[in-house]
């Protein structure tokens, strides 16, 4: 589904990631951990085509990223839902309108997706806040809304960058439950996090593979997690 082979990435004259090989198989669940500045966000961006490697090969859904133009990459990226670390919303649009933005941008008929949108709002527990504006939402509500926006296009892969970094433990577990549910529906999930307690909680619910970036390379984390 997503495959990196001997991928390296340099930034500012120095190598941030070196000879990374990684396969995200359909229906798999992965955590990516490592210290701040290790390259977690960079690796996520490489996985969904937002960055191109300086060396090596990346395949998205069996397509070589280097052989694709910008439009082709944009089309493939519709199959990847991304939850950014700092989720941004348009403050003049309602919660429902913000979640539906990917449909609008892709040219889909939003009106025909109202039932799906309503189901999605119910899934994240925010049916009563459909008309709320982003400034009226708490941090946890914004993160749940960001997850809903990431899955509105029914992607095959969910990539989340520190999705619980700015919320309390109770909300972290709630977000984790939603991500585990997506995985049980067959979605591939990749989460970058520094929260080892979150990883331990997830491993009690799902067969999660834990990857650690160390010395610019990927290592499989041991049982100490």
Protein backbone atom coordinates (compact mmCIF):
# COMPACT_ATOMS: atom_id res chain seq x y z
CA UNK A 1 0.00 0.00 0.00
CA UNK A 2 2.76 2.44 1.04
CA UNK A 3 6.35 1.32 0.69
CA UNK A 4 9.62 3.11 1.36
CA UNK A 5 12.80 1.47 0.13
CA UNK A 6 16.24 2.81 1.14
CA UNK A 7 14.73 6.28 1.53
CA UNK A 8 16.86 9.18 2.73
CA UNK A 9 15.91 12.80 3.25
CA UNK A 10 18.24 15.75 3.67
CA UNK A 11 17.32 19.16 4.97
CA UNK A 12 19.44 22.27 5.44
CA UNK A 13 22.56 20.54 4.24
CA UNK A 14 22.27 17.64 6.67
CA UNK A 15 20.71 14.19 6.44
CA UNK A 16 17.63 13.88 8.64
CA UNK A 17 16.61 10.34 7.63
CA UNK A 18 18.92 7.69 6.21
CA UNK A 19 18.20 4.44 4.33
CA UNK A 20 14.66 3.99 5.65
CA UNK A 21 12.80 0.90 4.47
CA UNK A 22 9.20 0.51 5.60
CA UNK A 23 6.01 -1.14 4.36
CA UNK A 24 2.54 -0.16 5.52
CA UNK A 25 0.38 -3.13 4.59
CA UNK A 26 -3.41 -2.93 4.18
CA UNK A 27 -5.16 -3.03 7.56
CA UNK A 28 -1.99 -2.64 9.62
CA UNK A 29 -1.57 -0.38 12.68
CA UNK A 30 1.71 1.40 13.32
CA UNK A 31 3.06 3.80 15.90
CA UNK A 32 6.06 5.99 15.11
CA UNK A 33 8.00 7.31 18.06
CA UNK A 34 11.29 9.02 18.77
CA UNK A 35 12.64 12.21 20.35
CA UNK A 36 11.62 15.69 19.18
CA UNK A 37 13.49 16.62 16.02
CA UNK A 38 14.15 12.99 15.08
CA UNK A 39 12.15 13.30 11.86
CA UNK A 40 8.75 11.82 12.72
CA UNK A 41 6.75 14.50 10.90
CA UNK A 42 9.13 14.37 7.95
CA UNK A 43 8.67 10.61 7.65
CA UNK A 44 4.90 10.99 7.75
CA UNK A 45 5.05 13.57 4.95
CA UNK A 46 7.18 11.22 2.88
CA UNK A 47 4.56 8.50 3.42
CA UNK A 48 1.76 10.55 1.89
CA UNK A 49 3.72 12.30 -0.85
CA UNK A 50 3.97 15.76 0.69
CA UNK A 51 7.76 15.49 0.54
CA UNK A 52 9.97 13.69 -1.96
CA UNK A 53 13.01 11.71 -0.85
CA UNK A 54 16.51 12.84 -1.70
CA UNK A 55 17.40 9.19 -2.25
CA UNK A 56 15.55 5.89 -2.47
CA UNK A 57 12.09 4.95 -3.73
CA UNK A 58 8.58 5.54 -2.38
CA UNK A 59 5.51 3.75 -3.73
CA UNK A 60 1.98 4.94 -2.97
CA UNK A 61 -0.59 2.30 -3.86
CA UNK A 62 1.91 0.64 -6.24
CA UNK A 63 2.77 3.93 -7.97
CA UNK A 64 6.32 5.32 -7.91
CA UNK A 65 6.14 8.86 -6.53
CA UNK A 66 9.06 10.02 -8.66
CA UNK A 67 7.20 9.10 -11.84
CA UNK A 68 4.07 11.04 -10.92
CA UNK A 69 3.20 14.65 -11.59
CA UNK A 70 1.60 16.93 -9.00
CA UNK A 71 -1.96 16.19 -10.13
CA UNK A 72 -1.41 12.44 -9.98
CA UNK A 73 0.00 12.69 -6.46
CA UNK A 74 -2.96 14.86 -5.42
CA UNK A 75 -5.37 12.21 -6.68
CA UNK A 76 -3.60 9.44 -4.77
CA UNK A 77 -3.47 11.54 -1.62
CA UNK A 78 -7.27 11.45 -1.51
CA UNK A 79 -6.78 7.88 -0.39
CA UNK A 80 -4.79 9.08 2.65
CA UNK A 81 -6.49 10.97 5.47
CA UNK A 82 -4.10 13.18 7.43
CA UNK A 83 -4.55 14.55 10.94
CA UNK A 84 -1.96 17.28 11.41
CA UNK A 85 -0.34 18.11 14.73
CA UNK A 86 -1.68 21.66 14.59
CA UNK A 87 -5.14 21.18 13.10
CA UNK A 88 -6.24 24.28 11.20
CA UNK A 89 -9.83 25.24 10.48
CA UNK A 90 -11.54 28.10 8.70
CA UNK A 91 -13.04 30.11 11.55
CA UNK A 92 -15.89 31.55 9.45
CA UNK A 93 -17.18 28.08 8.54
CA UNK A 94 -19.24 25.84 10.82
CA UNK A 95 -17.98 22.55 12.18
CA UNK A 96 -19.92 20.61 9.54
CA UNK A 97 -18.64 22.84 6.73
CA UNK A 98 -15.04 22.45 7.88
CA UNK A 99 -15.34 18.67 8.03
CA UNK A 100 -16.88 18.64 4.53
CA UNK A 101 -14.13 20.80 3.01
CA UNK A 102 -12.27 17.86 1.39
CA UNK A 103 -15.48 16.99 -0.46
CA UNK A 104 -15.79 20.57 -1.68
CA UNK A 105 -12.17 20.78 -2.78
CA UNK A 106 -12.41 17.49 -4.69
CA UNK A 107 -15.52 18.68 -6.54
CA UNK A 108 -17.93 16.21 -4.96
CA UNK A 109 -21.57 17.02 -4.36
CA UNK A 110 -21.66 17.89 -0.65
CA UNK A 111 -25.47 17.88 -0.58
CA UNK A 112 -25.52 14.19 -1.51
CA UNK A 113 -23.17 13.42 1.39
CA UNK A 114 -25.29 14.92 4.18
CA UNK A 115 -26.31 11.55 5.61
CA UNK A 116 -22.68 10.42 5.67
CA UNK A 117 -21.65 13.71 7.28
CA UNK A 118 -24.34 13.31 9.95
CA UNK A 119 -23.14 9.77 10.69
CA UNK A 120 -19.57 11.02 10.96
CA UNK A 121 -20.54 13.77 13.40
CA UNK A 122 -22.35 11.17 15.49
CA UNK A 123 -19.31 8.89 15.39
CA UNK A 124 -17.09 11.57 16.91
CA UNK A 125 -19.81 12.52 19.42
CA UNK A 126 -20.42 16.03 18.07
CA UNK A 127 -23.89 15.87 16.52
CA UNK A 128 -25.07 18.71 18.74
CA UNK A 129 -22.29 21.04 17.57
CA UNK A 130 -22.88 20.90 13.82
CA UNK A 131 -23.32 24.68 13.58
CA UNK A 132 -20.52 25.62 16.00
CA UNK A 133 -17.61 27.70 14.78
CA UNK A 134 -14.01 26.52 15.40
CA UNK A 135 -13.24 29.19 18.06
CA UNK A 136 -16.10 27.76 20.12
CA UNK A 137 -14.56 24.28 20.25
CA UNK A 138 -12.24 22.85 22.89
CA UNK A 139 -8.90 21.31 22.02
CA UNK A 140 -10.31 17.80 22.21
CA UNK A 141 -13.28 18.72 20.07
CA UNK A 142 -10.98 20.23 17.46
CA UNK A 143 -8.92 17.04 17.36
CA UNK A 144 -12.02 14.88 16.91
CA UNK A 145 -13.21 17.23 14.17
CA UNK A 146 -9.79 16.97 12.50
CA UNK A 147 -10.09 13.18 12.52
CA UNK A 148 -13.59 13.38 11.02
CA UNK A 149 -12.29 15.68 8.28
CA UNK A 150 -9.47 13.23 7.57
CA UNK A 151 -11.88 10.33 7.00
CA UNK A 152 -14.70 12.14 5.17
CA UNK A 153 -13.32 10.91 1.82
CA UNK A 154 -13.24 7.29 3.07
CA UNK A 155 -9.44 6.95 2.70
CA UNK A 156 -7.55 3.67 2.82
CA UNK A 157 -4.85 5.04 5.12
CA UNK A 158 -5.05 7.33 8.19
CA UNK A 159 -1.89 9.24 9.13
CA UNK A 160 -1.97 11.17 12.41
CA UNK A 161 0.82 13.43 13.69
CA UNK A 162 0.72 13.68 17.51
CA UNK A 163 -3.12 13.62 17.52
CA UNK A 164 -3.25 13.55 21.33
CA UNK A 165 -0.42 15.99 22.00
CA UNK A 166 -2.64 18.85 23.17
CA UNK A 167 -5.45 17.03 24.99
CA UNK A 168 -5.86 15.37 28.38
CA UNK A 169 -5.60 11.64 29.00
CA UNK A 170 -9.34 10.99 28.89
CA UNK A 171 -9.61 12.65 25.48
CA UNK A 172 -6.46 10.84 24.32
CA UNK A 173 -8.13 7.52 25.03
CA UNK A 174 -11.29 8.65 23.25
CA UNK A 175 -9.31 9.58 20.15
CA UNK A 176 -7.40 6.31 20.34
CA UNK A 177 -10.69 4.39 20.45
CA UNK A 178 -11.79 6.12 17.23
CA UNK A 179 -8.50 5.27 15.52
CA UNK A 180 -8.71 1.63 16.64
CA UNK A 181 -12.27 1.47 15.28
CA UNK A 182 -11.02 2.73 11.93
CA UNK A 183 -8.34 0.06 11.89
CA UNK A 184 -10.90 -2.64 12.67
CA UNK A 185 -12.85 -1.37 9.64
CA UNK A 186 -9.80 -2.25 7.52
CA UNK A 187 -8.02 1.11 7.45
CA UNK A 188 -4.25 1.27 7.68
CA UNK A 189 -3.26 3.55 10.59
CA UNK A 190 0.06 5.30 11.22
CA UNK A 191 0.37 7.49 14.33
CA UNK A 192 3.38 9.56 15.32
CA UNK A 193 3.48 10.07 19.07
CA UNK A 194 5.83 10.54 22.01
CA UNK A 195 3.21 9.21 24.46
CA UNK A 196 4.30 5.72 25.50
CA UNK A 197 1.24 5.29 27.71
CA UNK A 198 -0.96 5.78 24.65
CA UNK A 199 1.03 3.11 22.82
CA UNK A 200 0.65 0.69 25.73
CA UNK A 201 -3.11 1.30 25.81
CA UNK A 202 -3.37 0.68 22.08
CA UNK A 203 -1.43 -2.57 22.24
CA UNK A 204 -4.06 -3.93 24.62
CA UNK A 205 -6.68 -3.37 21.92
CA UNK A 206 -4.99 -3.94 18.57
CA UNK A 207 -1.92 -5.61 17.06
CA UNK A 208 0.15 -2.46 16.80
CA UNK A 209 3.68 -2.36 15.44
CA UNK A 210 5.88 0.22 17.16
CA UNK A 211 8.63 1.89 15.17
CA UNK A 212 11.28 4.17 16.63
CA UNK A 213 13.45 6.69 14.80
CA UNK A 214 16.97 6.64 16.20
CA UNK A 215 20.17 7.89 14.60
CA UNK A 216 18.26 8.80 11.41
CA UNK A 217 17.00 5.24 10.94
CA UNK A 218 13.94 3.14 11.78
CA UNK A 219 14.11 0.49 14.46
CA UNK A 220 11.43 -1.92 15.63
CA UNK A 221 10.78 -1.07 19.28
CA UNK A 222 11.18 -3.87 21.77
CA UNK A 223 8.86 -5.32 24.38
CA UNK A 224 9.88 -2.57 26.84
CA UNK A 225 6.97 -0.53 25.47
